[in-house]
């Protein structure tokens, strides 16, 4: 598993985690923000009127209403990125990473407007009478680049697993196991059956489920989140200050957190921001292409609301929960994941001194080296007899105990290059925690006490499950584009099986895979948007001319 994760991280280092990827993503959004004169601000109020159905017509072609399309797209974006992704971004990049998530969302509102408009404009009706759209259709029908369209469709299928299926069930099973002790495979099996039941009904059943699921899950999550924020009201202002204080210097070390450079905060903030709201990835346009409408701009305006709700509202709330509760920089007892663990020779080092913090940070950041442990590691009833230093989850681990098959271990186990040879050997102790378990800990620091962790479990279950539902639709539209309607059933079978298998797979592997899938889908989509920039502007100008002629008494933002 570690070798696989190393390979995935190497690939991702040239794509989503590369220095240039955030600049391409944000740069595209900034270009269209200026080119179209800040549509995410000017059209925000108008978008609310559209989503309410004010300008709908009875003969509009499509499969879903504006609200259903928005709910389906939101259910695809509001998932583990909002709960686990924010926690991972702050864990790696510190509070400053949250700022870059919000910047990504602000420019992403414009990117989403453009990609949805073009996808809706060049959508097609399939042989079964349903609508099919997305970037692959404007690449084929307008750009005449069938090879690029096919490449994007393949990337969409891969991303449906890397973004929509695998990390979602992984976070669900990990959280339910940590909170209720439910077996990972049992969680995966039950939810895989439910997933199969929902997606077999296609977009009509998916839309009916998501339009009820999204408002319900948001309400539950908000109640739990504000129970923490208000309970720690004295930390609200310091939390906001911490987001901006180290913005241009990187996040300072505090507690068990060893600090992060500005590059880390920027890269992880943008990366997690994209994983959260998917602006520029080209996924949500597939859902919006099913919406009823006689022109594409209005659906593009509806899409402006997505990054605002998903990231600016929900991710900010999650970030405030994490920061105000203080759990993000504290060490907690947890089971160590091997992909996050390195065993070093015994070192006379502490993370409570400036010198120790620097040595440890340099090692974790890859700019320094420390001697890896090689040889036998002896334990008695879980307690270490041999001397060694453990680094887990980017922190110096404490009170480490050795286990085998979940039970305290006595005897000797071999360590090679800092990792145990025996796959049944595990370790527990105190270290920093990331992803969904960190958010669960934060929710336990509010008015509901430990009961707050149940809200995260319920939130993860609803958020992530709804994301898996929506991404199944994205994948089957891509399969329809590539191989026709007959291929969809085979895709759904593999999708459900993969969903089950990921319930008991290492979390770090899943996140690494998701990062790659996002990048290989995003890059051709951004190229297509820039290629069709003049088409987009002309479509927008034509819309307002037609709108003013049809609704002369309506106030417009133009």
Protein backbone atom coordinates (compact mmCIF):
# COMPACT_ATOMS: atom_id res chain seq x y z
CA UNK A 1 0.00 0.00 0.00
CA UNK A 2 2.81 2.39 0.86
CA UNK A 3 4.52 1.75 -2.48
CA UNK A 4 1.23 2.42 -4.29
CA UNK A 5 0.71 5.62 -2.30
CA UNK A 6 4.25 6.76 -3.13
CA UNK A 7 3.56 6.21 -6.85
CA UNK A 8 0.26 8.12 -6.64
CA UNK A 9 1.93 10.98 -4.78
CA UNK A 10 4.65 11.13 -7.44
CA UNK A 11 2.05 11.35 -10.21
CA UNK A 12 0.05 13.94 -8.27
CA UNK A 13 3.21 16.01 -7.72
CA UNK A 14 3.25 16.70 -11.48
CA UNK A 15 -0.50 17.44 -11.61
CA UNK A 16 -2.82 18.64 -8.83
CA UNK A 17 -0.05 19.15 -6.26
CA UNK A 18 2.32 20.85 -8.70
CA UNK A 19 3.21 24.50 -8.19
CA UNK A 20 1.49 25.57 -11.43
CA UNK A 21 -1.91 23.86 -11.03
CA UNK A 22 -3.44 26.38 -8.57
CA UNK A 23 -2.34 29.26 -10.81
CA UNK A 24 -4.04 27.71 -13.85
CA UNK A 25 -7.24 27.11 -11.89
CA UNK A 26 -7.48 30.50 -10.22
CA UNK A 27 -6.08 32.26 -13.29
CA UNK A 28 -8.90 30.92 -15.48
CA UNK A 29 -11.49 32.07 -12.96
CA UNK A 30 -9.89 35.51 -12.69
CA UNK A 31 -9.75 35.87 -16.46
CA UNK A 32 -13.48 35.22 -16.86
CA UNK A 33 -14.29 37.35 -13.81
CA UNK A 34 -12.69 40.35 -15.52
CA UNK A 35 -13.66 39.38 -19.08
CA UNK A 36 -17.36 39.06 -18.15
CA UNK A 37 -17.28 41.94 -15.64
CA UNK A 38 -17.76 40.10 -12.33
CA UNK A 39 -20.87 38.05 -13.12
CA UNK A 40 -20.69 36.23 -9.76
CA UNK A 41 -21.47 39.54 -8.06
CA UNK A 42 -23.74 41.22 -10.60
CA UNK A 43 -25.93 38.19 -11.28
CA UNK A 44 -26.15 36.71 -7.78
CA UNK A 45 -29.57 38.19 -6.97
CA UNK A 46 -30.90 37.36 -10.44
CA UNK A 47 -29.73 33.75 -9.98
CA UNK A 48 -31.94 33.45 -6.89
CA UNK A 49 -34.95 34.53 -8.94
CA UNK A 50 -34.14 31.99 -11.65
CA UNK A 51 -33.77 29.07 -9.26
CA UNK A 52 -37.20 29.90 -7.80
CA UNK A 53 -38.64 29.29 -11.28
CA UNK A 54 -39.69 32.88 -11.97
CA UNK A 55 -38.80 32.72 -15.68
CA UNK A 56 -39.68 29.07 -16.39
CA UNK A 57 -41.76 28.14 -19.43
CA UNK A 58 -44.03 25.14 -19.77
CA UNK A 59 -42.40 23.97 -23.01
CA UNK A 60 -38.80 24.09 -21.71
CA UNK A 61 -36.89 20.95 -22.69
CA UNK A 62 -35.10 18.95 -20.01
CA UNK A 63 -35.39 16.31 -17.30
CA UNK A 64 -35.20 18.34 -14.07
CA UNK A 65 -36.18 21.74 -12.67
CA UNK A 66 -33.59 24.45 -11.94
CA UNK A 67 -33.76 23.62 -8.22
CA UNK A 68 -33.45 19.89 -8.81
CA UNK A 69 -30.41 20.44 -11.03
CA UNK A 70 -28.89 22.73 -8.39
CA UNK A 71 -29.65 20.17 -5.65
CA UNK A 72 -28.14 17.35 -7.70
CA UNK A 73 -25.01 19.37 -8.43
CA UNK A 74 -24.79 20.48 -4.79
CA UNK A 75 -25.18 16.91 -3.59
CA UNK A 76 -22.22 16.10 -5.82
CA UNK A 77 -20.08 18.89 -4.35
CA UNK A 78 -21.26 19.03 -0.73
CA UNK A 79 -19.51 15.95 0.57
CA UNK A 80 -16.31 14.94 2.29
CA UNK A 81 -14.61 18.04 0.89
CA UNK A 82 -16.70 20.11 3.30
CA UNK A 83 -16.07 17.94 6.35
CA UNK A 84 -12.89 15.93 5.76
CA UNK A 85 -11.33 18.15 3.08
CA UNK A 86 -11.36 21.32 5.17
CA UNK A 87 -9.83 19.42 8.08
CA UNK A 88 -7.11 18.02 5.80
CA UNK A 89 -6.34 21.46 4.35
CA UNK A 90 -5.95 23.03 7.82
CA UNK A 91 -3.99 20.00 9.04
CA UNK A 92 -1.42 20.45 6.25
CA UNK A 93 -1.51 24.18 5.50
CA UNK A 94 -2.76 25.67 8.76
CA UNK A 95 -5.52 28.32 9.13
CA UNK A 96 -4.23 30.27 6.09
CA UNK A 97 -5.29 27.38 3.86
CA UNK A 98 -8.93 28.22 4.60
CA UNK A 99 -8.47 31.67 3.08
CA UNK A 100 -7.24 30.16 -0.19
CA UNK A 101 -10.22 27.81 -0.20
CA UNK A 102 -12.48 30.87 -0.07
CA UNK A 103 -10.54 32.64 -2.84
CA UNK A 104 -10.90 29.53 -4.99
CA UNK A 105 -14.66 29.61 -4.37
CA UNK A 106 -15.00 33.33 -5.17
CA UNK A 107 -13.40 33.02 -8.60
CA UNK A 108 -14.91 29.55 -8.97
CA UNK A 109 -18.39 31.06 -8.97
CA UNK A 110 -17.51 32.65 -12.32
CA UNK A 111 -15.83 29.52 -13.66
CA UNK A 112 -18.91 27.50 -12.79
CA UNK A 113 -21.13 30.05 -14.55
CA UNK A 114 -19.11 29.68 -17.76
CA UNK A 115 -18.76 25.88 -17.80
CA UNK A 116 -22.45 25.28 -17.04
CA UNK A 117 -23.63 27.76 -19.65
CA UNK A 118 -21.53 26.21 -22.42
CA UNK A 119 -22.45 22.65 -21.40
CA UNK A 120 -26.16 23.46 -21.37
CA UNK A 121 -25.88 25.23 -24.73
CA UNK A 122 -24.32 22.27 -26.54
CA UNK A 123 -26.16 19.41 -24.81
CA UNK A 124 -27.86 16.60 -26.77
CA UNK A 125 -30.93 14.40 -26.41
CA UNK A 126 -29.98 10.72 -26.15
CA UNK A 127 -31.75 7.72 -27.69
CA UNK A 128 -33.74 7.14 -24.49
CA UNK A 129 -35.10 10.70 -24.56
CA UNK A 130 -33.01 12.09 -21.69
CA UNK A 131 -30.64 15.03 -21.92
CA UNK A 132 -26.88 14.54 -21.93
CA UNK A 133 -24.40 17.37 -21.58
CA UNK A 134 -21.11 18.41 -20.11
CA UNK A 135 -17.76 19.69 -21.38
CA UNK A 136 -17.33 16.66 -23.64
CA UNK A 137 -20.31 17.86 -25.69
CA UNK A 138 -19.06 21.41 -26.29
CA UNK A 139 -15.65 19.94 -27.10
CA UNK A 140 -17.25 17.74 -29.74
CA UNK A 141 -20.06 19.95 -31.05
CA UNK A 142 -18.38 23.36 -31.01
CA UNK A 143 -14.63 22.86 -30.76
CA UNK A 144 -14.64 19.88 -33.16
CA UNK A 145 -12.09 18.12 -30.94
CA UNK A 146 -13.54 14.66 -30.55
CA UNK A 147 -10.26 13.32 -29.17
CA UNK A 148 -10.31 15.89 -26.37
CA UNK A 149 -13.97 15.16 -25.69
CA UNK A 150 -13.18 11.46 -25.41
CA UNK A 151 -10.24 12.18 -23.11
CA UNK A 152 -12.43 14.29 -20.86
CA UNK A 153 -15.13 11.61 -20.79
CA UNK A 154 -12.57 8.96 -19.79
CA UNK A 155 -11.27 11.29 -17.08
CA UNK A 156 -14.86 11.79 -15.89
CA UNK A 157 -15.37 8.06 -15.52
CA UNK A 158 -12.11 7.78 -13.56
CA UNK A 159 -13.02 10.81 -11.48
CA UNK A 160 -16.44 9.37 -10.69
CA UNK A 161 -14.50 6.80 -8.68
CA UNK A 162 -11.64 9.04 -7.50
CA UNK A 163 -13.90 11.92 -6.46
CA UNK A 164 -17.43 10.65 -6.13
CA UNK A 165 -17.33 7.07 -4.96
CA UNK A 166 -14.13 5.94 -3.26
CA UNK A 167 -13.30 8.82 -0.87
CA UNK A 168 -16.96 9.27 0.06
CA UNK A 169 -17.62 5.75 1.37
CA UNK A 170 -14.14 5.71 2.89
CA UNK A 171 -14.95 8.74 5.04
CA UNK A 172 -18.38 7.33 5.92
CA UNK A 173 -17.02 3.96 7.08
CA UNK A 174 -14.10 5.51 9.01
CA UNK A 175 -16.38 7.94 10.83
CA UNK A 176 -19.07 5.37 11.68
CA UNK A 177 -16.39 2.97 12.89
CA UNK A 178 -14.75 5.62 15.08
CA UNK A 179 -18.06 6.89 16.49
CA UNK A 180 -20.22 3.77 16.77
CA UNK A 181 -17.75 0.92 16.27
CA UNK A 182 -19.59 -0.29 13.15
CA UNK A 183 -17.53 -2.63 10.98
CA UNK A 184 -16.19 -0.98 7.79
CA UNK A 185 -17.35 -3.80 5.52
CA UNK A 186 -20.85 -3.81 7.02
CA UNK A 187 -21.19 -0.09 6.36
CA UNK A 188 -19.95 -0.56 2.82
CA UNK A 189 -22.27 -3.46 2.09
CA UNK A 190 -25.45 -1.76 3.36
CA UNK A 191 -24.78 1.56 1.63
CA UNK A 192 -23.70 -0.13 -1.60
CA UNK A 193 -27.14 -1.79 -1.78
CA UNK A 194 -28.89 1.54 -1.14
CA UNK A 195 -26.69 3.26 -3.73
CA UNK A 196 -27.56 0.65 -6.33
CA UNK A 197 -31.27 1.10 -5.62
CA UNK A 198 -31.11 4.88 -6.13
CA UNK A 199 -28.90 5.10 -9.22
CA UNK A 200 -30.69 2.39 -11.17
CA UNK A 201 -33.60 4.81 -11.51
CA UNK A 202 -31.47 7.32 -13.42
CA UNK A 203 -31.64 11.11 -13.21
CA UNK A 204 -35.35 11.29 -12.33
CA UNK A 205 -34.95 9.22 -9.17
CA UNK A 206 -31.60 10.86 -8.37
CA UNK A 207 -33.16 14.35 -8.62
CA UNK A 208 -36.10 13.39 -6.40
CA UNK A 209 -33.75 12.03 -3.74
CA UNK A 210 -31.26 14.91 -3.81
CA UNK A 211 -33.83 17.74 -3.71
CA UNK A 212 -35.01 16.38 -0.35
CA UNK A 213 -31.63 15.23 0.94
CA UNK A 214 -29.61 18.41 0.42
CA UNK A 215 -31.73 20.83 2.54
CA UNK A 216 -32.13 18.23 5.29
CA UNK A 217 -28.44 17.43 5.60
CA UNK A 218 -27.48 21.12 5.54
CA UNK A 219 -29.88 21.90 8.41
CA UNK A 220 -28.54 19.05 10.58
CA UNK A 221 -24.95 20.08 9.93
CA UNK A 222 -25.54 23.77 10.64
CA UNK A 223 -27.19 23.03 14.00
CA UNK A 224 -24.20 20.95 15.10
CA UNK A 225 -21.64 23.44 13.78
CA UNK A 226 -23.11 26.50 15.45
CA UNK A 227 -23.42 24.54 18.69
CA UNK A 228 -19.60 24.40 18.65
CA UNK A 229 -18.92 27.92 17.34
CA UNK A 230 -21.24 29.62 19.85
CA UNK A 231 -19.99 27.43 22.70
CA UNK A 232 -16.47 28.68 21.94
CA UNK A 233 -17.65 32.22 21.19
CA UNK A 234 -14.51 33.74 22.75
CA UNK A 235 -12.45 32.04 20.02
CA UNK A 236 -14.45 33.31 17.04
CA UNK A 237 -12.46 36.52 16.52
CA UNK A 238 -9.05 34.85 17.18
CA UNK A 239 -10.03 32.18 14.65
CA UNK A 240 -10.73 34.77 11.96
CA UNK A 241 -7.47 36.54 12.81
CA UNK A 242 -5.51 33.28 12.47
CA UNK A 243 -6.86 32.81 8.93
CA UNK A 244 -5.40 36.12 7.78
CA UNK A 245 -2.48 36.65 10.20
CA UNK A 246 -0.04 34.29 8.48
CA UNK A 247 -1.45 34.72 4.99
CA UNK A 248 1.76 35.88 3.33
CA UNK A 249 4.24 34.17 5.67
CA UNK A 250 2.75 30.70 6.10
CA UNK A 251 1.02 29.37 9.21
CA UNK A 252 3.02 29.49 12.43
CA UNK A 253 3.74 26.41 14.56
CA UNK A 254 1.41 25.95 17.51
CA UNK A 255 0.73 23.00 19.78
CA UNK A 256 1.51 19.80 17.90
CA UNK A 257 1.26 21.61 14.55
CA UNK A 258 4.76 22.23 13.21
CA UNK A 259 3.84 25.08 10.86
CA UNK A 260 3.36 25.38 7.11
CA UNK A 261 4.89 27.54 4.39
CA UNK A 262 2.81 29.95 2.32
CA UNK A 263 3.25 27.59 -0.66
CA UNK A 264 1.78 24.70 1.32
CA UNK A 265 -1.14 26.79 2.54
CA UNK A 266 -1.84 28.14 -0.97
CA UNK A 267 -1.51 24.79 -2.74
CA UNK A 268 -3.57 22.80 -0.25
CA UNK A 269 -6.16 25.54 0.15
CA UNK A 270 -6.74 25.77 -3.60
CA UNK A 271 -6.62 21.99 -4.02
CA UNK A 272 -9.10 21.31 -1.24
CA UNK A 273 -11.23 24.23 -2.45
CA UNK A 274 -11.51 22.60 -5.87
CA UNK A 275 -12.24 19.21 -4.31
CA UNK A 276 -15.00 20.88 -2.32
CA UNK A 277 -16.82 22.96 -4.95
CA UNK A 278 -15.45 21.36 -8.16
CA UNK A 279 -15.47 24.71 -10.01
CA UNK A 280 -13.49 24.19 -13.20
CA UNK A 281 -13.53 20.43 -12.95
CA UNK A 282 -16.43 20.12 -15.40
CA UNK A 283 -18.54 17.78 -13.26
CA UNK A 284 -21.49 19.94 -12.17
CA UNK A 285 -22.25 21.01 -15.79
CA UNK A 286 -23.27 17.40 -16.44
CA UNK A 287 -26.03 17.70 -13.84
CA UNK A 288 -27.08 21.17 -14.97
CA UNK A 289 -27.31 20.00 -18.59
CA UNK A 290 -30.40 17.99 -17.57
CA UNK A 291 -32.26 21.11 -16.39
CA UNK A 292 -35.30 22.38 -18.24
CA UNK A 293 -34.60 25.60 -20.09
CA UNK A 294 -35.00 27.32 -23.45
CA UNK A 295 -31.61 29.06 -23.22
CA UNK A 296 -28.35 28.28 -21.38
CA UNK A 297 -27.43 31.48 -19.52
CA UNK A 298 -30.11 31.17 -16.84
CA UNK A 299 -28.84 27.72 -15.86
CA UNK A 300 -25.31 29.12 -15.75
CA UNK A 301 -26.54 31.75 -13.30
CA UNK A 302 -28.07 29.07 -11.10
CA UNK A 303 -24.62 27.45 -10.96
CA UNK A 304 -23.12 30.65 -9.50
CA UNK A 305 -24.84 29.73 -6.24
CA UNK A 306 -23.02 26.40 -5.90
CA UNK A 307 -19.50 27.47 -4.84
CA UNK A 308 -21.05 30.14 -2.62
CA UNK A 309 -23.18 27.62 -0.70
CA UNK A 310 -20.65 24.81 -0.80
CA UNK A 311 -17.41 26.57 0.07
CA UNK A 312 -17.98 30.15 1.19
CA UNK A 313 -20.80 29.11 3.55
CA UNK A 314 -20.34 25.46 4.53
CA UNK A 315 -16.52 25.23 4.41
CA UNK A 316 -16.17 28.50 6.34
CA UNK A 317 -18.45 27.12 9.04
CA UNK A 318 -16.44 23.88 9.20
CA UNK A 319 -13.22 25.88 9.39
CA UNK A 320 -14.54 27.98 12.27
CA UNK A 321 -15.58 24.81 14.10
CA UNK A 322 -12.06 23.40 13.75
CA UNK A 323 -10.26 26.61 14.69
CA UNK A 324 -12.51 27.76 17.53
CA UNK A 325 -12.50 24.33 19.18
CA UNK A 326 -8.70 24.15 19.04
CA UNK A 327 -8.61 20.45 18.10
CA UNK A 328 -6.66 21.00 14.88
CA UNK A 329 -3.36 21.69 16.70
CA UNK A 330 -3.82 19.20 19.56
CA UNK A 331 -2.65 15.60 19.75
CA UNK A 332 -5.35 12.95 20.18
CA UNK A 333 -5.30 9.23 20.84
CA UNK A 334 -5.87 7.43 17.54
CA UNK A 335 -4.97 4.36 15.50
CA UNK A 336 -2.01 5.25 13.28
CA UNK A 337 -2.45 4.85 9.54
CA UNK A 338 0.66 3.33 8.00
CA UNK A 339 0.71 5.77 5.09
CA UNK A 340 1.02 8.63 7.61
CA UNK A 341 3.62 6.91 9.81
CA UNK A 342 7.42 6.88 9.85
CA UNK A 343 9.53 5.22 12.57
CA UNK A 344 12.89 6.90 13.20
CA UNK A 345 15.89 6.04 15.31
CA UNK A 346 15.58 7.35 18.84
CA UNK A 347 16.19 11.11 18.70
CA UNK A 348 16.67 13.59 21.50
CA UNK A 349 14.15 15.98 20.03
CA UNK A 350 11.02 17.83 21.14
CA UNK A 351 8.26 19.68 19.33
CA UNK A 352 8.09 22.15 22.21
CA UNK A 353 11.37 23.87 21.34
CA UNK A 354 12.06 26.12 18.35
CA UNK A 355 15.04 24.00 17.34
CA UNK A 356 13.03 20.77 17.56
CA UNK A 357 10.13 22.22 15.58
CA UNK A 358 12.48 23.32 12.81
CA UNK A 359 14.19 19.93 12.54
CA UNK A 360 10.87 18.08 12.47
CA UNK A 361 9.27 20.53 10.03
CA UNK A 362 12.22 20.29 7.63
CA UNK A 363 11.95 16.50 7.71
CA UNK A 364 8.20 16.48 7.10
CA UNK A 365 8.50 19.12 4.36
CA UNK A 366 11.17 17.03 2.61
CA UNK A 367 13.96 19.57 3.02
CA UNK A 368 15.79 17.64 5.74
CA UNK A 369 16.63 14.03 6.60
CA UNK A 370 16.51 11.97 9.79
CA UNK A 371 17.71 8.38 10.36
CA UNK A 372 15.06 5.71 9.67
CA UNK A 373 14.66 2.82 12.10
CA UNK A 374 15.89 -0.57 10.91
CA UNK A 375 15.87 -3.75 13.00
CA UNK A 376 13.76 -5.37 15.67
CA UNK A 377 11.23 -3.40 17.69
CA UNK A 378 10.41 -5.04 21.04
CA UNK A 379 7.18 -4.50 22.97
CA UNK A 380 5.66 -5.95 26.14
CA UNK A 381 1.87 -5.87 26.38
CA UNK A 382 1.89 -3.07 23.81
CA UNK A 383 4.46 -0.95 25.65
CA UNK A 384 7.64 -0.22 23.74
CA UNK A 385 10.84 -1.65 25.19
CA UNK A 386 13.00 -0.57 22.25
CA UNK A 387 13.76 3.11 21.83
CA UNK A 388 12.41 4.80 18.70
CA UNK A 389 10.88 8.08 17.56
CA UNK A 390 7.49 7.99 15.82
CA UNK A 391 6.29 10.66 13.38
CA UNK A 392 2.61 10.33 12.52
CA UNK A 393 0.24 12.69 10.69
CA UNK A 394 2.91 15.39 10.38
CA UNK A 395 3.52 15.40 14.16
CA UNK A 396 5.76 13.85 16.82
CA UNK A 397 3.75 10.94 18.24
CA UNK A 398 3.52 10.27 21.97
CA UNK A 399 2.50 7.36 24.24
CA UNK A 400 2.89 4.89 21.36
CA UNK A 401 1.67 1.30 21.84
CA UNK A 402 2.14 -1.67 19.52
CA UNK A 403 -0.81 -3.85 18.48
CA UNK A 404 -1.32 -6.94 16.39
CA UNK A 405 -4.73 -7.58 14.87
CA UNK A 406 -6.12 -4.91 17.16
CA UNK A 407 -4.73 -6.41 20.41
CA UNK A 408 -1.75 -5.26 22.48
CA UNK A 409 1.40 -6.97 21.22
CA UNK A 410 4.23 -8.64 23.11
CA UNK A 411 7.37 -9.73 21.30
CA UNK A 412 9.64 -8.49 18.55
CA UNK A 413 8.61 -7.19 15.14
CA UNK A 414 10.91 -6.20 12.29
CA UNK A 415 11.11 -2.64 10.99
CA UNK A 416 12.68 -1.90 7.60
CA UNK A 417 13.28 1.70 6.48
CA UNK A 418 10.95 3.04 9.14
CA UNK A 419 7.99 0.73 8.45
CA UNK A 420 6.87 -2.62 9.94
CA UNK A 421 7.34 -5.71 7.79
CA UNK A 422 4.38 -7.57 9.35
CA UNK A 423 1.13 -6.17 7.86
CA UNK A 424 -0.78 -7.25 10.99
CA UNK A 425 1.27 -4.94 13.21
CA UNK A 426 -0.31 -1.60 14.10
CA UNK A 427 0.34 1.33 16.40
CA UNK A 428 -1.80 3.61 18.54
CA UNK A 429 -0.87 6.75 20.43
CA UNK A 430 -1.29 10.50 20.58
CA UNK A 431 -0.66 12.57 17.45
CA UNK A 432 -2.35 15.14 15.27
CA UNK A 433 -5.46 13.88 13.48
CA UNK A 434 -6.82 14.90 10.08
CA UNK A 435 -9.79 14.49 7.74
CA UNK A 436 -13.22 13.43 9.05
CA UNK A 437 -12.02 12.14 12.48
CA UNK A 438 -10.64 15.63 13.23
CA UNK A 439 -13.96 17.29 12.40
CA UNK A 440 -15.74 14.72 14.59
CA UNK A 441 -13.49 15.63 17.52
CA UNK A 442 -14.24 19.33 16.95
CA UNK A 443 -18.00 18.74 17.02
CA UNK A 444 -17.56 17.18 20.48
CA UNK A 445 -16.38 20.56 21.84
CA UNK A 446 -19.80 22.27 21.81
CA UNK A 447 -23.14 22.42 23.62
CA UNK A 448 -23.91 18.82 22.68
CA UNK A 449 -20.64 17.50 24.16
CA UNK A 450 -19.70 14.06 22.88
CA UNK A 451 -23.12 13.87 21.25
CA UNK A 452 -21.85 16.38 18.69
CA UNK A 453 -19.67 13.70 17.15
CA UNK A 454 -22.84 11.88 16.14
CA UNK A 455 -23.85 14.90 14.05
CA UNK A 456 -20.60 14.60 12.09
CA UNK A 457 -21.27 10.91 11.58
CA UNK A 458 -24.76 11.67 10.30
CA UNK A 459 -23.43 14.58 8.23
CA UNK A 460 -20.69 12.47 6.66
CA UNK A 461 -23.22 9.75 5.92
CA UNK A 462 -25.68 12.11 4.21
CA UNK A 463 -23.16 14.43 2.54
CA UNK A 464 -20.90 11.70 1.21
CA UNK A 465 -23.69 9.33 0.18
CA UNK A 466 -25.41 12.09 -1.79
CA UNK A 467 -22.10 12.88 -3.51
CA UNK A 468 -21.72 9.25 -4.55
CA UNK A 469 -25.25 9.34 -5.98
CA UNK A 470 -24.59 12.41 -8.11
CA UNK A 471 -21.22 11.22 -9.34
CA UNK A 472 -22.77 7.99 -10.53
CA UNK A 473 -24.84 10.14 -12.89
CA UNK A 474 -21.75 12.02 -14.09
CA UNK A 475 -20.04 8.72 -14.81
CA UNK A 476 -22.99 7.21 -16.67
CA UNK A 477 -23.33 10.35 -18.88
CA UNK A 478 -19.65 10.00 -19.73
CA UNK A 479 -20.14 6.31 -20.52
CA UNK A 480 -23.13 7.22 -22.69
CA UNK A 481 -20.93 9.65 -24.61
CA UNK A 482 -18.18 7.07 -25.08
CA UNK A 483 -20.07 3.82 -25.66
CA UNK A 484 -23.81 4.58 -25.81
CA UNK A 485 -26.70 3.94 -23.40
CA UNK A 486 -26.07 0.20 -23.31
CA UNK A 487 -22.81 0.67 -21.39
CA UNK A 488 -24.42 2.42 -18.46
CA UNK A 489 -25.60 -0.72 -16.65
CA UNK A 490 -22.07 -2.15 -16.61
CA UNK A 491 -20.69 1.12 -15.28
CA UNK A 492 -23.24 1.17 -12.47
CA UNK A 493 -22.34 -2.39 -11.44
CA UNK A 494 -18.62 -1.59 -11.26
CA UNK A 495 -19.40 1.72 -9.50
CA UNK A 496 -21.33 -0.02 -6.73
CA UNK A 497 -18.66 -2.72 -6.31
CA UNK A 498 -15.91 -0.08 -6.10
CA UNK A 499 -18.02 1.80 -3.55
CA UNK A 500 -18.08 -1.30 -1.35
CA UNK A 501 -14.37 -2.10 -1.67
CA UNK A 502 -13.33 1.47 -0.78
CA UNK A 503 -15.13 1.20 2.57
CA UNK A 504 -12.19 -0.74 4.01
CA UNK A 505 -9.25 0.75 2.05
CA UNK A 506 -6.57 3.06 3.49
CA UNK A 507 -7.79 6.70 3.61
CA UNK A 508 -4.53 8.24 2.44
CA UNK A 509 -4.52 6.11 -0.71
CA UNK A 510 -8.05 7.29 -1.51
CA UNK A 511 -7.23 10.98 -1.12
CA UNK A 512 -4.10 10.58 -3.27
CA UNK A 513 -6.14 8.92 -6.02
CA UNK A 514 -8.81 11.62 -5.80
CA UNK A 515 -6.22 14.37 -6.27
CA UNK A 516 -5.00 12.83 -9.52
CA UNK A 517 -8.52 12.24 -10.84
CA UNK A 518 -9.48 15.86 -10.22
CA UNK A 519 -6.47 17.20 -12.11
CA UNK A 520 -6.83 15.00 -15.20
CA UNK A 521 -10.46 16.10 -15.50
CA UNK A 522 -9.90 19.80 -14.80
CA UNK A 523 -7.12 20.63 -17.26
CA UNK A 524 -8.91 19.79 -20.54
CA UNK A 525 -12.06 21.48 -19.24
CA UNK A 526 -10.24 24.75 -18.49
CA UNK A 527 -8.64 24.64 -21.93
CA UNK A 528 -12.09 24.30 -23.49
CA UNK A 529 -13.52 27.23 -21.52
CA UNK A 530 -10.70 29.54 -22.59
CA UNK A 531 -10.98 28.32 -26.19
CA UNK A 532 -14.71 29.25 -26.23
CA UNK A 533 -14.37 32.57 -24.40
CA UNK A 534 -15.80 34.62 -27.31
CA UNK A 535 -18.68 32.18 -27.71
CA UNK A 536 -19.47 32.61 -24.02
CA UNK A 537 -19.45 36.40 -24.19
CA UNK A 538 -21.65 36.46 -27.28
CA UNK A 539 -24.10 34.05 -25.66
CA UNK A 540 -24.32 36.31 -22.61
CA UNK A 541 -24.88 39.46 -24.72
CA UNK A 542 -27.59 37.72 -26.77
CA UNK A 543 -29.33 36.57 -23.59
CA UNK A 544 -29.75 40.08 -22.21
CA UNK A 545 -31.00 41.42 -25.55
CA UNK A 546 -33.64 38.68 -25.68
CA UNK A 547 -34.53 39.04 -22.00
CA UNK A 548 -35.11 42.78 -22.22
CA UNK A 549 -37.36 42.30 -25.24
CA UNK A 550 -39.37 39.55 -23.52
CA UNK A 551 -39.50 41.12 -20.04
CA UNK A 552 -39.31 44.91 -20.61
CA UNK A 553 -40.62 45.68 -17.11
CA UNK A 554 -38.17 43.41 -15.28
CA UNK A 555 -35.20 44.99 -13.54
CA UNK A 556 -31.95 43.49 -14.81
CA UNK A 557 -28.40 43.62 -13.45
CA UNK A 558 -27.10 44.79 -16.85
